Amino acid sequence: MRARTRRAALLLLVSASLALGACARGGPEQNGWQALRPGMELSVERGAGPRGEDVLALLYTIVTGQDYAVERRLPAQGLQGPVELRLSARATRVLHLACVVVDRAGVEHEAALTLLPGDWRELCFRDLQPPIDDWAQAQTLRLVDRTGGLGGQGPVSLKLVGMP
């Protein structure tokens, strides 16, 4: 009887491990975007956007005092004029998100918004501070979740449409 119980428990454990592994379909990099903190999972959900667009999905767990970000390098020639990152987003919790453009000198130019949970919402990041004088100097674009720095914690599912 004991051998059967052990075999059944082992079979159950192996099945659960395989099922959990099958659910992990993302990784730290997707479509040129890279997670800047270990434990962030990025994936693409085909046709899951509000109008059938592909979605960049982020899964991570906020730890108080830490920011979570994804970034991508911009073309070598930088940007041609002011950035206005307009995207649709949906999250499982209130998030304080910032769009950060980093120039060649390493200066960060930021615009921040609060995303409320629930349905898809349009976010428009503009008026970066400090302003950028020469957009051709822009090197990196980041989307940063600063909720952890404000004392937040817990799991996050963030869906984004319109990420360049």
C-alpha atoms as a PDB file:
ATOM      1  CA  MET A   1       0.000   0.000   0.000  1.00  0.00           C
ATOM      2  CA  ARG A   2       2.793   2.399   0.867  1.00  0.00           C
ATOM      3  CA  ALA A   3       4.495   1.866  -2.492  1.00  0.00           C
ATOM      4  CA  ARG A   4       1.243   2.715  -4.288  1.00  0.00           C
ATOM      5  CA  THR A   5       0.817   5.869  -2.225  1.00  0.00           C
ATOM      6  CA  ARG A   6       4.377   6.942  -3.001  1.00  0.00           C
ATOM      7  CA  ARG A   7       3.931   6.255  -6.713  1.00  0.00           C
ATOM      8  CA  ALA A   8       0.664   8.181  -6.760  1.00  0.00           C
ATOM      9  CA  ALA A   9       2.256  11.100  -4.896  1.00  0.00           C
ATOM     10  CA  LEU A  10       5.259  11.064  -7.230  1.00  0.00           C
ATOM     11  CA  LEU A  11       2.993  10.952 -10.298  1.00  0.00           C
ATOM     12  CA  LEU A  12       0.962  13.862  -8.929  1.00  0.00           C
ATOM     13  CA  LEU A  13       4.124  15.875  -8.216  1.00  0.00           C
ATOM     14  CA  VAL A  14       5.546  15.247 -11.705  1.00  0.00           C
ATOM     15  CA  SER A  15       2.200  16.145 -13.330  1.00  0.00           C
ATOM     16  CA  ALA A  16       1.981  19.377 -11.329  1.00  0.00           C
ATOM     17  CA  SER A  17       5.562  20.312 -12.246  1.00  0.00           C
ATOM     18  CA  LEU A  18       4.905  19.734 -15.939  1.00  0.00           C
ATOM     19  CA  ALA A  19       1.675  21.741 -15.812  1.00  0.00           C
ATOM     20  CA  LEU A  20       3.376  24.667 -14.077  1.00  0.00           C
ATOM     21  CA  GLY A  21       6.245  24.573 -16.548  1.00  0.00           C
ATOM     22  CA  ALA A  22       3.819  24.595 -19.463  1.00  0.00           C
ATOM     23  CA  CYS A  23       2.209  27.793 -18.134  1.00  0.00           C
ATOM     24  CA  ALA A  24       5.519  29.668 -18.157  1.00  0.00           C
ATOM     25  CA  ARG A  25       5.450  30.836 -21.770  1.00  0.00           C
ATOM     26  CA  GLY A  26       7.310  34.098 -21.427  1.00  0.00           C
ATOM     27  CA  GLY A  27      10.807  35.206 -20.685  1.00  0.00           C
ATOM     28  CA  PRO A  28      12.872  38.287 -19.889  1.00  0.00           C
ATOM     29  CA  GLU A  29      12.874  39.521 -23.518  1.00  0.00           C
ATOM     30  CA  GLN A  30      10.141  39.968 -26.122  1.00  0.00           C
ATOM     31  CA  ASN A  31       9.885  41.968 -29.392  1.00  0.00           C
ATOM     32  CA  GLY A  32      12.991  44.009 -28.575  1.00  0.00           C
ATOM     33  CA  TRP A  33      11.796  44.825 -25.038  1.00  0.00           C
ATOM     34  CA  GLN A  34      13.917  43.537 -22.178  1.00  0.00           C
ATOM     35  CA  ALA A  35      13.023  43.164 -18.498  1.00  0.00           C
ATOM     36  CA  LEU A  36      15.422  45.040 -16.213  1.00  0.00           C
ATOM     37  CA  ARG A  37      14.675  42.995 -13.091  1.00  0.00           C
ATOM     38  CA  PRO A  38      14.897  39.221 -12.650  1.00  0.00           C
ATOM     39  CA  GLY A  39      11.541  37.507 -12.248  1.00  0.00           C
ATOM     40  CA  MET A  40       9.707  39.648 -14.797  1.00  0.00           C
ATOM     41  CA  GLU A  41       8.053  37.565 -17.505  1.00  0.00           C
ATOM     42  CA  LEU A  42       7.256  39.100 -20.912  1.00  0.00           C
ATOM     43  CA  SER A  43       5.133  37.417 -23.543  1.00  0.00           C
ATOM     44  CA  VAL A  44       3.039  38.295 -26.585  1.00  0.00           C
ATOM     45  CA  GLU A  45      -0.661  37.480 -26.642  1.00  0.00           C
ATOM     46  CA  ARG A  46      -1.837  37.404 -30.253  1.00  0.00           C
ATOM     47  CA  GLY A  47      -5.073  39.294 -30.932  1.00  0.00           C
ATOM     48  CA  ALA A  48      -5.845  39.915 -27.226  1.00  0.00           C
ATOM     49  CA  GLY A  49      -5.978  43.745 -27.418  1.00  0.00           C
ATOM     50  CA  PRO A  50      -9.137  45.853 -27.200  1.00  0.00           C
ATOM     51  CA  ARG A  51      -9.442  45.931 -31.021  1.00  0.00           C
ATOM     52  CA  GLY A  52      -7.780  42.583 -31.730  1.00  0.00           C
ATOM     53  CA  GLU A  53      -4.192  43.879 -31.569  1.00  0.00           C
ATOM     54  CA  ASP A  54      -1.269  41.867 -30.271  1.00  0.00           C
ATOM     55  CA  VAL A  55      -0.536  42.527 -26.595  1.00  0.00           C
ATOM     56  CA  LEU A  56       2.791  42.745 -24.767  1.00  0.00           C
ATOM     57  CA  ALA A  57       2.013  41.026 -21.455  1.00  0.00           C
ATOM     58  CA  LEU A  58       4.124  41.535 -18.325  1.00  0.00           C
ATOM     59  CA  LEU A  59       3.883  39.383 -15.210  1.00  0.00           C
ATOM     60  CA  TYR A  60       5.856  40.172 -12.060  1.00  0.00           C
ATOM     61  CA  THR A  61       5.522  40.563  -8.313  1.00  0.00           C
ATOM     62  CA  ILE A  62       6.183  43.980  -6.792  1.00  0.00           C
ATOM     63  CA  VAL A  63       8.456  44.109  -3.776  1.00  0.00           C
ATOM     64  CA  THR A  64       8.180  47.274  -1.697  1.00  0.00           C
ATOM     65  CA  GLY A  65      10.962  49.736  -2.459  1.00  0.00           C
ATOM     66  CA  GLN A  66      11.762  48.409  -5.943  1.00  0.00           C
ATOM     67  CA  ASP A  67      10.927  49.661  -9.431  1.00  0.00           C
ATOM     68  CA  TYR A  68      10.151  47.304 -12.307  1.00  0.00           C
ATOM     69  CA  ALA A  69      10.956  48.237 -15.885  1.00  0.00           C
ATOM     70  CA  VAL A  70      11.203  47.085 -19.461  1.00  0.00           C
ATOM     71  CA  GLU A  71      13.350  48.913 -21.979  1.00  0.00           C
ATOM     72  CA  ARG A  72      14.373  48.910 -25.587  1.00  0.00           C
ATOM     73  CA  ARG A  73      17.180  50.620 -27.459  1.00  0.00           C
ATOM     74  CA  LEU A  74      16.132  53.262 -29.953  1.00  0.00           C
ATOM     75  CA  PRO A  75      17.490  53.445 -33.506  1.00  0.00           C
ATOM     76  CA  ALA A  76      21.052  54.753 -33.815  1.00  0.00           C
ATOM     77  CA  GLN A  77      19.792  58.078 -35.213  1.00  0.00           C
ATOM     78  CA  GLY A  78      17.583  58.654 -32.141  1.00  0.00           C
ATOM     79  CA  LEU A  79      14.098  60.102 -32.483  1.00  0.00           C
ATOM     80  CA  GLN A  80      12.811  62.584 -35.015  1.00  0.00           C
ATOM     81  CA  GLY A  81      10.926  65.052 -32.827  1.00  0.00           C
ATOM     82  CA  PRO A  82       9.121  64.928 -29.506  1.00  0.00           C
ATOM     83  CA  VAL A  83       8.021  61.574 -28.140  1.00  0.00           C
ATOM     84  CA  GLU A  84       4.408  60.991 -27.289  1.00  0.00           C
ATOM     85  CA  LEU A  85       4.039  57.415 -26.202  1.00  0.00           C
ATOM     86  CA  ARG A  86       0.361  56.584 -26.609  1.00  0.00           C
ATOM     87  CA  LEU A  87      -0.723  53.115 -25.652  1.00  0.00           C
ATOM     88  CA  SER A  88      -3.615  51.097 -24.301  1.00  0.00           C
ATOM     89  CA  ALA A  89      -3.078  49.327 -21.003  1.00  0.00           C
ATOM     90  CA  ARG A  90      -4.912  47.070 -18.617  1.00  0.00           C
ATOM     91  CA  ALA A  91      -3.715  45.942 -15.191  1.00  0.00           C
ATOM     92  CA  THR A  92      -4.886  43.894 -12.253  1.00  0.00           C
ATOM     93  CA  ARG A  93      -4.072  46.661  -9.766  1.00  0.00           C
ATOM     94  CA  VAL A  94      -3.350  50.402  -9.497  1.00  0.00           C
ATOM     95  CA  LEU A  95       0.086  51.134 -10.987  1.00  0.00           C
ATOM     96  CA  HIS A  96       2.208  54.275 -11.130  1.00  0.00           C
ATOM     97  CA  LEU A  97       3.840  54.033 -14.574  1.00  0.00           C
ATOM     98  CA  ALA A  98       6.529  56.260 -16.054  1.00  0.00           C
ATOM     99  CA  CYS A  99       7.773  56.625 -19.610  1.00  0.00           C
ATOM    100  CA  VAL A 100      11.507  57.377 -19.453  1.00  0.00           C
ATOM    101  CA  VAL A 101      13.678  58.447 -22.383  1.00  0.00           C
ATOM    102  CA  VAL A 102      17.419  58.198 -21.723  1.00  0.00           C
ATOM    103  CA  ASP A 103      19.698  60.403 -23.839  1.00  0.00           C
ATOM    104  CA  ARG A 104      23.307  59.752 -24.846  1.00  0.00           C
ATOM    105  CA  ALA A 105      24.566  61.678 -21.812  1.00  0.00           C
ATOM    106  CA  GLY A 106      22.605  59.310 -19.543  1.00  0.00           C
ATOM    107  CA  VAL A 107      20.042  61.950 -18.506  1.00  0.00           C
ATOM    108  CA  GLU A 108      16.573  60.499 -17.867  1.00  0.00           C
ATOM    109  CA  HIS A 109      13.560  62.441 -19.167  1.00  0.00           C
ATOM    110  CA  GLU A 110      10.314  61.227 -17.574  1.00  0.00           C
ATOM    111  CA  ALA A 111       6.524  61.532 -17.767  1.00  0.00           C
ATOM    112  CA  ALA A 112       4.390  59.562 -15.275  1.00  0.00           C
ATOM    113  CA  LEU A 113       0.731  58.495 -15.058  1.00  0.00           C
ATOM    114  CA  THR A 114      -1.444  56.374 -12.790  1.00  0.00           C
ATOM    115  CA  LEU A 115      -3.165  53.346 -14.309  1.00  0.00           C
ATOM    116  CA  LEU A 116      -6.348  52.170 -12.603  1.00  0.00           C
ATOM    117  CA  PRO A 117      -7.268  48.474 -12.764  1.00  0.00           C
ATOM    118  CA  GLY A 118     -10.097  47.103 -14.866  1.00  0.00           C
ATOM    119  CA  ASP A 119     -10.905  47.687 -18.513  1.00  0.00           C
ATOM    120  CA  TRP A 120      -8.489  48.866 -21.196  1.00  0.00           C
ATOM    121  CA  ARG A 121      -7.437  52.490 -20.690  1.00  0.00           C
ATOM    122  CA  GLU A 122      -5.558  54.833 -22.998  1.00  0.00           C
ATOM    123  CA  LEU A 123      -2.342  56.267 -21.602  1.00  0.00           C
ATOM    124  CA  CYS A 124      -0.553  59.169 -23.254  1.00  0.00           C
ATOM    125  CA  PHE A 125       2.907  59.998 -21.947  1.00  0.00           C
ATOM    126  CA  ARG A 126       4.118  63.449 -23.044  1.00  0.00           C
ATOM    127  CA  ASP A 127       5.765  66.532 -21.545  1.00  0.00           C
ATOM    128  CA  LEU A 128       8.892  64.727 -20.405  1.00  0.00           C
ATOM    129  CA  GLN A 129      10.797  66.379 -17.577  1.00  0.00           C
ATOM    130  CA  PRO A 130      13.382  67.701 -18.005  1.00  0.00           C
ATOM    131  CA  PRO A 131      12.512  68.565 -21.613  1.00  0.00           C
ATOM    132  CA  ILE A 132      14.744  67.151 -24.342  1.00  0.00           C
ATOM    133  CA  ASP A 133      16.507  69.700 -26.532  1.00  0.00           C
ATOM    134  CA  ASP A 134      17.865  67.309 -29.173  1.00  0.00           C
ATOM    135  CA  TRP A 135      15.648  64.282 -29.801  1.00  0.00           C
ATOM    136  CA  ALA A 136      18.310  62.710 -31.999  1.00  0.00           C
ATOM    137  CA  GLN A 137      20.271  62.124 -28.755  1.00  0.00           C
ATOM    138  CA  ALA A 138      17.575  59.787 -27.348  1.00  0.00           C
ATOM    139  CA  GLN A 139      19.016  56.283 -26.939  1.00  0.00           C
ATOM    140  CA  THR A 140      16.691  54.209 -24.782  1.00  0.00           C
ATOM    141  CA  LEU A 141      12.973  54.055 -24.078  1.00  0.00           C
ATOM    142  CA  ARG A 142      11.794  52.573 -20.760  1.00  0.00           C
ATOM    143  CA  LEU A 143       8.430  51.870 -19.222  1.00  0.00           C
ATOM    144  CA  VAL A 144       8.873  51.854 -15.441  1.00  0.00           C
ATOM    145  CA  ASP A 145       6.442  50.731 -12.746  1.00  0.00           C
ATOM    146  CA  ARG A 146       7.248  52.860  -9.695  1.00  0.00           C
ATOM    147  CA  THR A 147       4.472  51.376  -7.521  1.00  0.00           C
ATOM    148  CA  GLY A 148       6.962  49.472  -5.342  1.00  0.00           C
ATOM    149  CA  GLY A 149       8.803  52.702  -4.576  1.00  0.00           C
ATOM    150  CA  LEU A 150       5.530  54.099  -3.235  1.00  0.00           C
ATOM    151  CA  GLY A 151       5.070  51.182  -0.824  1.00  0.00           C
ATOM    152  CA  GLY A 152       3.058  48.862  -3.062  1.00  0.00           C
ATOM    153  CA  GLN A 153       3.586  45.122  -3.212  1.00  0.00           C
ATOM    154  CA  GLY A 154       2.031  42.022  -4.730  1.00  0.00           C
ATOM    155  CA  PRO A 155       1.470  40.341  -8.102  1.00  0.00           C
ATOM    156  CA  VAL A 156       0.946  42.328 -11.303  1.00  0.00           C
ATOM    157  CA  SER A 157      -0.457  41.415 -14.681  1.00  0.00           C
ATOM    158  CA  LEU A 158       0.049  44.335 -17.068  1.00  0.00           C
ATOM    159  CA  LYS A 159      -1.115  44.212 -20.696  1.00  0.00           C
ATOM    160  CA  LEU A 160       0.123  46.807 -23.200  1.00  0.00           C
ATOM    161  CA  VAL A 161      -0.911  47.635 -26.766  1.00  0.00           C
ATOM    162  CA  GLY A 162       0.991  50.164 -28.868  1.00  0.00           C
ATOM    163  CA  MET A 163       4.499  49.602 -27.515  1.00  0.00           C
ATOM    164  CA  PRO A 164       6.906  50.719 -30.239  1.00  0.00           C
END
